[in-house]
Amino acid sequence: MPKFCLFSKEKGYTKTPDALNPKPATYIPFYQDPLFGDYNPAAGGQGRGTVIPTFSGAVIQDFGIVEADGRILISDKEAFDTETATKLRLAFRQVNTTFYFTDGYEVWEVAFARPDGYKDNLHLLFAAADFKTYSYTMQLVVVQKLIGSATTTTTTTTSTTTTTTTSTTAP
């Protein structure tokens, strides 16, 4: 069963989208995990800030970690068949659309990076033998990291104080 999967959001997020019945409208399982390629779920910048050298030291500006700075980079050789490559091309062409992506361990809400968020190449040697297989490179922009848990926030307001309670539960 595939672990890596890109799927639409109408069914909610899960680490195992192959168990959803019926499947989401956009359901693109990677039948080959990128074992021989690259997978980096932390490819983007992990924090904002700068260090400015001064005459007597340095000024450090630290604006913390911003989740939306995250990128996920995935690439592999001879990994996709024509059907998977076509589905990913169609998903990449959708404008202002976010998807869920899972590697089987974590779940993110993502969008394709622009302009080069998805590229694939047909392997011509295999294609000459009527076996079409594609190598690919994909870069996803992290909108939100969900990690397979749901977060619920409850706010209670009284005349003088506001209390906010956040709890995390597994789906």
C-alpha atoms as a PDB file:
ATOM      1  CA  MET A   1       0.000   0.000   0.000  1.00  0.00           C
ATOM      2  CA  PRO A   2       1.304   3.455  -0.814  1.00  0.00           C
ATOM      3  CA  LYS A   3       2.293   5.766   1.993  1.00  0.00           C
ATOM      4  CA  PHE A   4       3.030   8.949   0.030  1.00  0.00           C
ATOM      5  CA  CYS A   5      -0.192  10.484  -1.230  1.00  0.00           C
ATOM      6  CA  LEU A   6      -1.580  13.832  -2.399  1.00  0.00           C
ATOM      7  CA  PHE A   7      -5.337  14.158  -1.987  1.00  0.00           C
ATOM      8  CA  SER A   8      -8.114  16.752  -1.950  1.00  0.00           C
ATOM      9  CA  LYS A   9      -9.574  18.130   1.253  1.00  0.00           C
ATOM     10  CA  GLU A  10     -13.292  17.248   1.126  1.00  0.00           C
ATOM     11  CA  LYS A  11     -12.884  14.057   3.235  1.00  0.00           C
ATOM     12  CA  GLY A  12     -10.607  15.583   5.880  1.00  0.00           C
ATOM     13  CA  TYR A  13      -6.994  14.714   6.579  1.00  0.00           C
ATOM     14  CA  THR A  14      -5.603  11.335   7.505  1.00  0.00           C
ATOM     15  CA  LYS A  15      -2.279   9.481   7.469  1.00  0.00           C
ATOM     16  CA  THR A  16      -3.962   6.653   5.539  1.00  0.00           C
ATOM     17  CA  PRO A  17      -6.038   8.155   2.696  1.00  0.00           C
ATOM     18  CA  ASP A  18      -6.107   4.768   0.942  1.00  0.00           C
ATOM     19  CA  ALA A  19      -8.530   3.643   3.683  1.00  0.00           C
ATOM     20  CA  LEU A  20     -11.068   6.386   2.801  1.00  0.00           C
ATOM     21  CA  ASN A  21     -14.207   5.081   1.142  1.00  0.00           C
ATOM     22  CA  PRO A  22     -15.166   6.586  -1.220  1.00  0.00           C
ATOM     23  CA  LYS A  23     -11.851   8.121  -2.248  1.00  0.00           C
ATOM     24  CA  PRO A  24     -11.463  11.932  -2.398  1.00  0.00           C
ATOM     25  CA  ALA A  25     -12.093  13.603  -5.775  1.00  0.00           C
ATOM     26  CA  THR A  26      -8.341  14.089  -6.205  1.00  0.00           C
ATOM     27  CA  TYR A  27      -6.522  11.014  -4.934  1.00  0.00           C
ATOM     28  CA  ILE A  28      -2.940  10.526  -6.147  1.00  0.00           C
ATOM     29  CA  PRO A  29      -1.056   7.741  -4.369  1.00  0.00           C
ATOM     30  CA  PHE A  30       2.662   7.370  -5.036  1.00  0.00           C
ATOM     31  CA  TYR A  31       2.979   3.643  -5.675  1.00  0.00           C
ATOM     32  CA  GLN A  32       6.735   3.997  -5.254  1.00  0.00           C
ATOM     33  CA  ASP A  33       7.998   5.953  -2.264  1.00  0.00           C
ATOM     34  CA  PRO A  34      11.039   8.086  -3.184  1.00  0.00           C
ATOM     35  CA  LEU A  35      13.527   5.514  -1.900  1.00  0.00           C
ATOM     36  CA  PHE A  36      16.050   6.188  -4.679  1.00  0.00           C
ATOM     37  CA  GLY A  37      15.390   9.912  -4.995  1.00  0.00           C
ATOM     38  CA  ASP A  38      15.206  12.817  -2.595  1.00  0.00           C
ATOM     39  CA  TYR A  39      12.646  13.531   0.102  1.00  0.00           C
ATOM     40  CA  ASN A  40      13.044  16.558   2.342  1.00  0.00           C
ATOM     41  CA  PRO A  41       9.979  17.637   4.337  1.00  0.00           C
ATOM     42  CA  ALA A  42      11.922  20.617   5.712  1.00  0.00           C
ATOM     43  CA  ALA A  43      13.375  22.017   2.461  1.00  0.00           C
ATOM     44  CA  GLY A  44      12.241  25.611   2.998  1.00  0.00           C
ATOM     45  CA  GLY A  45      13.358  28.246   5.430  1.00  0.00           C
ATOM     46  CA  GLN A  46      12.565  27.369   9.017  1.00  0.00           C
ATOM     47  CA  GLY A  47      12.693  30.811  10.537  1.00  0.00           C
ATOM     48  CA  ARG A  48      12.733  34.514   9.806  1.00  0.00           C
ATOM     49  CA  GLY A  49      15.297  36.983  10.945  1.00  0.00           C
ATOM     50  CA  THR A  50      18.788  38.258  10.324  1.00  0.00           C
ATOM     51  CA  VAL A  51      22.095  38.981  11.997  1.00  0.00           C
ATOM     52  CA  ILE A  52      23.435  42.480  11.335  1.00  0.00           C
ATOM     53  CA  PRO A  53      27.129  42.961  12.171  1.00  0.00           C
ATOM     54  CA  THR A  54      27.846  46.218  13.983  1.00  0.00           C
ATOM     55  CA  PHE A  55      30.993  47.969  15.166  1.00  0.00           C
ATOM     56  CA  SER A  56      30.770  46.459  18.621  1.00  0.00           C
ATOM     57  CA  GLY A  57      29.022  43.129  17.997  1.00  0.00           C
ATOM     58  CA  ALA A  58      25.819  42.225  16.202  1.00  0.00           C
ATOM     59  CA  VAL A  59      22.129  43.022  16.168  1.00  0.00           C
ATOM     60  CA  ILE A  60      20.073  39.839  16.032  1.00  0.00           C
ATOM     61  CA  GLN A  61      16.536  40.005  14.681  1.00  0.00           C
ATOM     62  CA  ASP A  62      14.573  36.818  15.373  1.00  0.00           C
ATOM     63  CA  PHE A  63      10.988  36.682  14.168  1.00  0.00           C
ATOM     64  CA  GLY A  64      10.494  33.004  14.968  1.00  0.00           C
ATOM     65  CA  ILE A  65       9.421  30.095  12.856  1.00  0.00           C
ATOM     66  CA  VAL A  66       6.658  30.752  10.357  1.00  0.00           C
ATOM     67  CA  GLU A  67       4.898  27.579   9.261  1.00  0.00           C
ATOM     68  CA  ALA A  68       4.117  28.951   5.785  1.00  0.00           C
ATOM     69  CA  ASP A  69       7.873  29.262   5.071  1.00  0.00           C
ATOM     70  CA  GLY A  70       8.074  25.475   4.912  1.00  0.00           C
ATOM     71  CA  ARG A  71       8.648  23.559   1.702  1.00  0.00           C
ATOM     72  CA  ILE A  72       8.525  19.854   0.938  1.00  0.00           C
ATOM     73  CA  LEU A  73      10.847  18.651  -1.833  1.00  0.00           C
ATOM     74  CA  ILE A  74      10.331  15.237  -3.429  1.00  0.00           C
ATOM     75  CA  SER A  75      12.024  13.746  -6.467  1.00  0.00           C
ATOM     76  CA  ASP A  76      12.642  10.289  -7.843  1.00  0.00           C
ATOM     77  CA  LYS A  77      13.723   8.564 -11.042  1.00  0.00           C
ATOM     78  CA  GLU A  78      11.548   6.174 -13.054  1.00  0.00           C
ATOM     79  CA  ALA A  79       8.857   6.346 -10.381  1.00  0.00           C
ATOM     80  CA  PHE A  80       5.513   7.203 -12.003  1.00  0.00           C
ATOM     81  CA  ASP A  81       3.394   5.628 -14.671  1.00  0.00           C
ATOM     82  CA  THR A  82       1.455   7.731 -17.189  1.00  0.00           C
ATOM     83  CA  GLU A  83      -1.720   7.797 -15.070  1.00  0.00           C
ATOM     84  CA  THR A  84       0.031   9.158 -11.956  1.00  0.00           C
ATOM     85  CA  ALA A  85       2.020  11.727 -13.957  1.00  0.00           C
ATOM     86  CA  THR A  86      -1.179  12.937 -15.682  1.00  0.00           C
ATOM     87  CA  LYS A  87      -3.056  13.259 -12.373  1.00  0.00           C
ATOM     88  CA  LEU A  88      -0.199  15.291 -10.873  1.00  0.00           C
ATOM     89  CA  ARG A  89      -0.046  17.569 -13.941  1.00  0.00           C
ATOM     90  CA  LEU A  90      -3.782  18.240 -13.595  1.00  0.00           C
ATOM     91  CA  ALA A  91      -3.479  18.912  -9.846  1.00  0.00           C
ATOM     92  CA  PHE A  92      -0.560  21.286 -10.495  1.00  0.00           C
ATOM     93  CA  ARG A  93      -2.632  23.243 -13.036  1.00  0.00           C
ATOM     94  CA  GLN A  94      -5.390  23.987 -10.508  1.00  0.00           C
ATOM     95  CA  VAL A  95      -5.166  27.610  -9.401  1.00  0.00           C
ATOM     96  CA  ASN A  96      -5.483  28.650  -5.725  1.00  0.00           C
ATOM     97  CA  THR A  97      -6.020  25.060  -4.611  1.00  0.00           C
ATOM     98  CA  THR A  98      -4.597  23.368  -1.553  1.00  0.00           C
ATOM     99  CA  PHE A  99      -4.344  19.646  -0.958  1.00  0.00           C
ATOM    100  CA  TYR A 100      -3.419  17.319   1.860  1.00  0.00           C
ATOM    101  CA  PHE A 101      -0.104  15.501   1.547  1.00  0.00           C
ATOM    102  CA  THR A 102       1.050  12.596   3.691  1.00  0.00           C
ATOM    103  CA  ASP A 103       4.227  10.557   3.841  1.00  0.00           C
ATOM    104  CA  GLY A 104       2.502   7.978   6.037  1.00  0.00           C
ATOM    105  CA  TYR A 105       3.824   9.592   9.230  1.00  0.00           C
ATOM    106  CA  GLU A 106       2.830  13.247   9.006  1.00  0.00           C
ATOM    107  CA  VAL A 107       0.116  15.231   7.216  1.00  0.00           C
ATOM    108  CA  TRP A 108       0.358  18.725   5.742  1.00  0.00           C
ATOM    109  CA  GLU A 109      -1.983  21.073   3.960  1.00  0.00           C
ATOM    110  CA  VAL A 110       0.042  22.097   0.896  1.00  0.00           C
ATOM    111  CA  ALA A 111      -0.057  23.971  -2.390  1.00  0.00           C
ATOM    112  CA  PHE A 112       2.229  23.529  -5.368  1.00  0.00           C
ATOM    113  CA  ALA A 113       5.093  26.037  -5.523  1.00  0.00           C
ATOM    114  CA  ARG A 114       4.966  28.334  -8.552  1.00  0.00           C
ATOM    115  CA  PRO A 115       6.247  28.325 -11.245  1.00  0.00           C
ATOM    116  CA  ASP A 116       8.167  25.039 -10.941  1.00  0.00           C
ATOM    117  CA  GLY A 117       6.185  23.088  -8.359  1.00  0.00           C
ATOM    118  CA  TYR A 118       5.920  19.990 -10.515  1.00  0.00           C
ATOM    119  CA  LYS A 119       8.048  18.710 -13.385  1.00  0.00           C
ATOM    120  CA  ASP A 120       8.205  15.260 -14.903  1.00  0.00           C
ATOM    121  CA  ASN A 121      10.321  13.684 -17.627  1.00  0.00           C
ATOM    122  CA  LEU A 122       9.526  10.650 -19.738  1.00  0.00           C
ATOM    123  CA  HIS A 123      12.240   7.988 -19.672  1.00  0.00           C
ATOM    124  CA  LEU A 124      12.823   7.535 -23.422  1.00  0.00           C
ATOM    125  CA  LEU A 125      14.711   4.236 -23.256  1.00  0.00           C
ATOM    126  CA  PHE A 126      11.775   2.552 -21.494  1.00  0.00           C
ATOM    127  CA  ALA A 127       9.234   4.384 -23.689  1.00  0.00           C
ATOM    128  CA  ALA A 128      10.860   2.904 -26.798  1.00  0.00           C
ATOM    129  CA  ALA A 129       9.946  -0.513 -25.376  1.00  0.00           C
ATOM    130  CA  ASP A 130       6.316   0.620 -24.797  1.00  0.00           C
ATOM    131  CA  PHE A 131       6.830   1.010 -21.055  1.00  0.00           C
ATOM    132  CA  LYS A 132       6.276   4.644 -20.107  1.00  0.00           C
ATOM    133  CA  THR A 133       7.788   5.693 -16.831  1.00  0.00           C
ATOM    134  CA  TYR A 134       8.463   9.195 -15.523  1.00  0.00           C
ATOM    135  CA  SER A 135      11.044  10.806 -13.293  1.00  0.00           C
ATOM    136  CA  TYR A 136       9.735  13.785 -11.342  1.00  0.00           C
ATOM    137  CA  THR A 137      10.584  16.732  -9.107  1.00  0.00           C
ATOM    138  CA  MET A 138       7.902  18.259  -6.907  1.00  0.00           C
ATOM    139  CA  GLN A 139       8.044  21.218  -4.546  1.00  0.00           C
ATOM    140  CA  LEU A 140       5.113  21.790  -2.215  1.00  0.00           C
ATOM    141  CA  VAL A 141       4.516  24.915  -0.113  1.00  0.00           C
ATOM    142  CA  VAL A 142       3.386  24.135   3.433  1.00  0.00           C
ATOM    143  CA  VAL A 143       0.183  25.980   4.324  1.00  0.00           C
ATOM    144  CA  GLN A 144      -0.288  24.163   7.602  1.00  0.00           C
ATOM    145  CA  LYS A 145       1.344  21.182   9.292  1.00  0.00           C
ATOM    146  CA  LEU A 146      -1.346  18.899  10.695  1.00  0.00           C
ATOM    147  CA  ILE A 147       0.768  15.918  11.883  1.00  0.00           C
ATOM    148  CA  GLY A 148      -2.301  13.689  12.051  1.00  0.00           C
ATOM    149  CA  SER A 149      -3.813  15.338  15.119  1.00  0.00           C
ATOM    150  CA  ALA A 150      -6.772  17.636  15.435  1.00  0.00           C
ATOM    151  CA  THR A 151      -6.565  20.819  17.481  1.00  0.00           C
ATOM    152  CA  THR A 152      -9.666  22.276  19.082  1.00  0.00           C
ATOM    153  CA  THR A 153      -9.725  25.787  20.509  1.00  0.00           C
ATOM    154  CA  THR A 154     -12.416  26.933  22.932  1.00  0.00           C
ATOM    155  CA  THR A 155     -12.725  30.531  24.092  1.00  0.00           C
ATOM    156  CA  THR A 156     -14.673  31.544  27.196  1.00  0.00           C
ATOM    157  CA  THR A 157     -15.292  35.240  27.892  1.00  0.00           C
ATOM    158  CA  THR A 158     -16.410  36.803  31.163  1.00  0.00           C
ATOM    159  CA  SER A 159     -16.814  40.460  32.004  1.00  0.00           C
ATOM    160  CA  THR A 160     -13.138  40.941  32.917  1.00  0.00           C
ATOM    161  CA  THR A 161     -11.121  37.966  31.622  1.00  0.00           C
ATOM    162  CA  THR A 162     -10.818  35.786  28.559  1.00  0.00           C
ATOM    163  CA  THR A 163      -9.661  32.192  28.882  1.00  0.00           C
ATOM    164  CA  THR A 164      -8.542  30.163  25.876  1.00  0.00           C
ATOM    165  CA  THR A 165      -8.129  26.404  26.101  1.00  0.00           C
ATOM    166  CA  THR A 166      -6.441  24.376  23.378  1.00  0.00           C
ATOM    167  CA  SER A 167      -6.559  20.602  23.350  1.00  0.00           C
ATOM    168  CA  THR A 168      -5.036  18.115  20.933  1.00  0.00           C
ATOM    169  CA  THR A 169      -6.629  14.772  20.143  1.00  0.00           C
ATOM    170  CA  ALA A 170      -5.706  12.041  17.706  1.00  0.00           C
ATOM    171  CA  PRO A 171      -8.185  11.469  14.868  1.00  0.00           C
END
